[in-house]
């Protein structure tokens, strides 16, 4: 029935589009490896903090404007289970004794890219490392078809 109405093709095309966007997000994010951390920063020229990095990547890659802070980004996206993580999803950590105080972009194979802290640069890290595993707060997905922050 789905094939008869052409819906199967639309579903497949939509899935391919989302997958391509996720791949584009990861590739775009990797282009910023080495950019220094800067509190409140939201550009490669000035440096990034964690949420500024995520916001810039989503905006520059797919034109989606996310909220500014990590906690706001968590609130504006859909909760997913860790087992459902796909490249381009957001991963959150409690690094400042409060929920959702740090965010990064999942790149696959248990790794994420982020702008970690003062004195450091945008880098890829393993979520399985004890530091990150202890502080993991959850994963979120930006809803398909989103065009702006709520």
C-alpha atoms as a PDB file:
ATOM      1  CA  UNK A   1       0.000   0.000   0.000  1.00  0.00           C
ATOM      2  CA  UNK A   2       2.767   2.471   0.887  1.00  0.00           C
ATOM      3  CA  UNK A   3       4.549   1.700  -2.379  1.00  0.00           C
ATOM      4  CA  UNK A   4       1.334   2.170  -4.391  1.00  0.00           C
ATOM      5  CA  UNK A   5       0.848   5.706  -3.072  1.00  0.00           C
ATOM      6  CA  UNK A   6       4.504   6.657  -3.439  1.00  0.00           C
ATOM      7  CA  UNK A   7       4.855   7.019   0.318  1.00  0.00           C
ATOM      8  CA  UNK A   8       7.620   4.452   0.603  1.00  0.00           C
ATOM      9  CA  UNK A   9       9.815   6.546  -1.690  1.00  0.00           C
ATOM     10  CA  UNK A  10       9.057   9.688   0.336  1.00  0.00           C
ATOM     11  CA  UNK A  11       9.921   7.960   3.607  1.00  0.00           C
ATOM     12  CA  UNK A  12      13.167   6.631   2.121  1.00  0.00           C
ATOM     13  CA  UNK A  13      14.043  10.061   0.710  1.00  0.00           C
ATOM     14  CA  UNK A  14      13.321  11.730   4.065  1.00  0.00           C
ATOM     15  CA  UNK A  15      15.544   9.215   5.862  1.00  0.00           C
ATOM     16  CA  UNK A  16      18.343   9.783   3.355  1.00  0.00           C
ATOM     17  CA  UNK A  17      17.981  13.566   3.769  1.00  0.00           C
ATOM     18  CA  UNK A  18      18.263  13.328   7.572  1.00  0.00           C
ATOM     19  CA  UNK A  19      21.261  10.999   7.278  1.00  0.00           C
ATOM     20  CA  UNK A  20      22.957  13.390   4.836  1.00  0.00           C
ATOM     21  CA  UNK A  21      22.319  16.307   7.201  1.00  0.00           C
ATOM     22  CA  UNK A  22      23.854  14.355  10.093  1.00  0.00           C
ATOM     23  CA  UNK A  23      26.908  13.502   8.000  1.00  0.00           C
ATOM     24  CA  UNK A  24      27.195  17.145   6.989  1.00  0.00           C
ATOM     25  CA  UNK A  25      27.006  18.228  10.632  1.00  0.00           C
ATOM     26  CA  UNK A  26      29.823  15.892  11.624  1.00  0.00           C
ATOM     27  CA  UNK A  27      32.017  16.867   8.676  1.00  0.00           C
ATOM     28  CA  UNK A  28      31.381  20.548   9.369  1.00  0.00           C
ATOM     29  CA  UNK A  29      32.159  20.116  13.072  1.00  0.00           C
ATOM     30  CA  UNK A  30      35.429  18.326  12.269  1.00  0.00           C
ATOM     31  CA  UNK A  31      36.473  21.372  10.274  1.00  0.00           C
ATOM     32  CA  UNK A  32      36.691  23.281  13.572  1.00  0.00           C
ATOM     33  CA  UNK A  33      39.100  20.925  15.341  1.00  0.00           C
ATOM     34  CA  UNK A  34      41.726  23.012  17.091  1.00  0.00           C
ATOM     35  CA  UNK A  35      39.642  26.185  17.478  1.00  0.00           C
ATOM     36  CA  UNK A  36      40.290  27.488  21.012  1.00  0.00           C
ATOM     37  CA  UNK A  37      37.732  27.518  23.802  1.00  0.00           C
ATOM     38  CA  UNK A  38      36.376  30.915  24.756  1.00  0.00           C
ATOM     39  CA  UNK A  39      33.650  31.431  27.351  1.00  0.00           C
ATOM     40  CA  UNK A  40      30.651  32.955  25.584  1.00  0.00           C
ATOM     41  CA  UNK A  41      32.342  32.381  22.226  1.00  0.00           C
ATOM     42  CA  UNK A  42      30.294  31.467  19.182  1.00  0.00           C
ATOM     43  CA  UNK A  43      32.595  31.760  16.165  1.00  0.00           C
ATOM     44  CA  UNK A  44      35.791  30.228  14.823  1.00  0.00           C
ATOM     45  CA  UNK A  45      37.357  33.687  14.811  1.00  0.00           C
ATOM     46  CA  UNK A  46      36.712  34.391  18.492  1.00  0.00           C
ATOM     47  CA  UNK A  47      36.632  30.807  19.782  1.00  0.00           C
ATOM     48  CA  UNK A  48      33.770  28.673  21.066  1.00  0.00           C
ATOM     49  CA  UNK A  49      32.292  27.562  24.326  1.00  0.00           C
ATOM     50  CA  UNK A  50      30.438  24.233  24.206  1.00  0.00           C
ATOM     51  CA  UNK A  51      26.949  25.500  23.413  1.00  0.00           C
ATOM     52  CA  UNK A  52      28.245  28.226  21.094  1.00  0.00           C
ATOM     53  CA  UNK A  53      30.029  25.518  19.112  1.00  0.00           C
ATOM     54  CA  UNK A  54      26.887  23.357  18.806  1.00  0.00           C
ATOM     55  CA  UNK A  55      24.740  26.374  17.928  1.00  0.00           C
ATOM     56  CA  UNK A  56      27.184  27.539  15.231  1.00  0.00           C
ATOM     57  CA  UNK A  57      27.511  24.086  13.641  1.00  0.00           C
ATOM     58  CA  UNK A  58      23.747  23.572  13.405  1.00  0.00           C
ATOM     59  CA  UNK A  59      23.171  27.076  12.078  1.00  0.00           C
ATOM     60  CA  UNK A  60      25.995  27.019   9.505  1.00  0.00           C
ATOM     61  CA  UNK A  61      25.372  23.462   8.318  1.00  0.00           C
ATOM     62  CA  UNK A  62      21.590  23.106   8.165  1.00  0.00           C
ATOM     63  CA  UNK A  63      20.339  26.608   8.913  1.00  0.00           C
ATOM     64  CA  UNK A  64      18.766  25.621  12.225  1.00  0.00           C
ATOM     65  CA  UNK A  65      18.960  28.164  15.038  1.00  0.00           C
ATOM     66  CA  UNK A  66      19.271  26.414  18.394  1.00  0.00           C
ATOM     67  CA  UNK A  67      19.012  28.187  21.754  1.00  0.00           C
ATOM     68  CA  UNK A  68      22.246  29.573  23.202  1.00  0.00           C
ATOM     69  CA  UNK A  69      22.852  27.601  26.411  1.00  0.00           C
ATOM     70  CA  UNK A  70      23.370  23.852  26.828  1.00  0.00           C
ATOM     71  CA  UNK A  71      20.382  23.586  29.190  1.00  0.00           C
ATOM     72  CA  UNK A  72      18.160  25.455  26.712  1.00  0.00           C
ATOM     73  CA  UNK A  73      19.385  23.198  23.889  1.00  0.00           C
ATOM     74  CA  UNK A  74      18.477  20.144  25.985  1.00  0.00           C
ATOM     75  CA  UNK A  75      15.007  21.552  26.668  1.00  0.00           C
ATOM     76  CA  UNK A  76      14.390  22.315  22.982  1.00  0.00           C
ATOM     77  CA  UNK A  77      15.278  18.841  21.657  1.00  0.00           C
ATOM     78  CA  UNK A  78      13.870  15.323  21.912  1.00  0.00           C
ATOM     79  CA  UNK A  79      15.182  12.917  24.546  1.00  0.00           C
ATOM     80  CA  UNK A  80      16.609   9.704  23.094  1.00  0.00           C
ATOM     81  CA  UNK A  81      18.180   6.645  24.656  1.00  0.00           C
ATOM     82  CA  UNK A  82      21.954   6.293  24.525  1.00  0.00           C
ATOM     83  CA  UNK A  83      21.461   3.147  22.421  1.00  0.00           C
ATOM     84  CA  UNK A  84      19.690   5.270  19.774  1.00  0.00           C
ATOM     85  CA  UNK A  85      22.545   7.756  19.275  1.00  0.00           C
ATOM     86  CA  UNK A  86      23.323   8.659  15.671  1.00  0.00           C
ATOM     87  CA  UNK A  87      25.920  11.070  14.299  1.00  0.00           C
ATOM     88  CA  UNK A  88      24.659  14.636  14.679  1.00  0.00           C
ATOM     89  CA  UNK A  89      22.738  13.983  17.909  1.00  0.00           C
ATOM     90  CA  UNK A  90      23.526  16.085  20.966  1.00  0.00           C
ATOM     91  CA  UNK A  91      25.125  14.590  24.075  1.00  0.00           C
ATOM     92  CA  UNK A  92      24.938  16.325  27.440  1.00  0.00           C
ATOM     93  CA  UNK A  93      27.080  16.155  30.547  1.00  0.00           C
ATOM     94  CA  UNK A  94      27.029  17.478  34.100  1.00  0.00           C
ATOM     95  CA  UNK A  95      30.434  19.153  34.369  1.00  0.00           C
ATOM     96  CA  UNK A  96      29.528  22.005  36.716  1.00  0.00           C
ATOM     97  CA  UNK A  97      27.428  20.235  39.352  1.00  0.00           C
ATOM     98  CA  UNK A  98      24.254  20.995  37.456  1.00  0.00           C
ATOM     99  CA  UNK A  99      22.374  19.075  34.810  1.00  0.00           C
ATOM    100  CA  UNK A 100      23.033  19.841  31.156  1.00  0.00           C
ATOM    101  CA  UNK A 101      25.998  22.127  31.838  1.00  0.00           C
ATOM    102  CA  UNK A 102      28.003  20.785  28.870  1.00  0.00           C
ATOM    103  CA  UNK A 103      27.046  19.728  25.337  1.00  0.00           C
ATOM    104  CA  UNK A 104      28.740  18.145  22.343  1.00  0.00           C
ATOM    105  CA  UNK A 105      27.829  16.568  19.003  1.00  0.00           C
ATOM    106  CA  UNK A 106      27.889  12.783  18.707  1.00  0.00           C
ATOM    107  CA  UNK A 107      30.121  11.660  15.813  1.00  0.00           C
ATOM    108  CA  UNK A 108      29.691   7.887  16.071  1.00  0.00           C
ATOM    109  CA  UNK A 109      31.547   4.955  17.631  1.00  0.00           C
ATOM    110  CA  UNK A 110      31.037   6.290  21.152  1.00  0.00           C
ATOM    111  CA  UNK A 111      32.801   9.569  20.396  1.00  0.00           C
ATOM    112  CA  UNK A 112      31.710  13.200  20.435  1.00  0.00           C
ATOM    113  CA  UNK A 113      33.153  16.542  19.348  1.00  0.00           C
ATOM    114  CA  UNK A 114      33.014  19.565  21.629  1.00  0.00           C
ATOM    115  CA  UNK A 115      34.709  22.683  22.899  1.00  0.00           C
ATOM    116  CA  UNK A 116      35.747  21.490  26.355  1.00  0.00           C
ATOM    117  CA  UNK A 117      37.183  24.159  28.658  1.00  0.00           C
ATOM    118  CA  UNK A 118      39.432  27.219  29.005  1.00  0.00           C
ATOM    119  CA  UNK A 119      42.909  26.498  27.678  1.00  0.00           C
ATOM    120  CA  UNK A 120      41.666  23.675  25.436  1.00  0.00           C
ATOM    121  CA  UNK A 121      40.516  23.441  21.816  1.00  0.00           C
ATOM    122  CA  UNK A 122      37.642  21.826  19.924  1.00  0.00           C
ATOM    123  CA  UNK A 123      38.392  18.102  19.982  1.00  0.00           C
ATOM    124  CA  UNK A 124      36.923  14.615  19.697  1.00  0.00           C
ATOM    125  CA  UNK A 125      36.660  12.530  22.854  1.00  0.00           C
ATOM    126  CA  UNK A 126      35.480   9.073  23.844  1.00  0.00           C
ATOM    127  CA  UNK A 127      32.276   9.033  25.900  1.00  0.00           C
ATOM    128  CA  UNK A 128      33.502   5.801  27.495  1.00  0.00           C
ATOM    129  CA  UNK A 129      36.334   7.547  29.328  1.00  0.00           C
ATOM    130  CA  UNK A 130      35.635   7.520  33.064  1.00  0.00           C
ATOM    131  CA  UNK A 131      35.373  11.342  33.278  1.00  0.00           C
ATOM    132  CA  UNK A 132      32.654  11.559  30.626  1.00  0.00           C
ATOM    133  CA  UNK A 133      30.872   8.326  31.567  1.00  0.00           C
ATOM    134  CA  UNK A 134      30.400   9.551  35.164  1.00  0.00           C
ATOM    135  CA  UNK A 135      29.034  12.898  33.997  1.00  0.00           C
ATOM    136  CA  UNK A 136      26.791  11.736  31.137  1.00  0.00           C
ATOM    137  CA  UNK A 137      23.384  13.444  31.400  1.00  0.00           C
ATOM    138  CA  UNK A 138      21.653  12.081  28.329  1.00  0.00           C
ATOM    139  CA  UNK A 139      21.219  12.412  24.609  1.00  0.00           C
ATOM    140  CA  UNK A 140      18.882  14.534  22.554  1.00  0.00           C
ATOM    141  CA  UNK A 141      17.894  14.678  18.910  1.00  0.00           C
ATOM    142  CA  UNK A 142      16.922  17.768  17.016  1.00  0.00           C
ATOM    143  CA  UNK A 143      13.494  16.942  15.585  1.00  0.00           C
ATOM    144  CA  UNK A 144      13.474  16.311  11.822  1.00  0.00           C
ATOM    145  CA  UNK A 145      11.985  19.229   9.970  1.00  0.00           C
ATOM    146  CA  UNK A 146      12.882  21.774  12.662  1.00  0.00           C
ATOM    147  CA  UNK A 147      13.727  25.157  11.232  1.00  0.00           C
ATOM    148  CA  UNK A 148      14.184  27.373  14.266  1.00  0.00           C
ATOM    149  CA  UNK A 149      14.506  27.421  18.013  1.00  0.00           C
ATOM    150  CA  UNK A 150      11.255  27.247  19.971  1.00  0.00           C
END
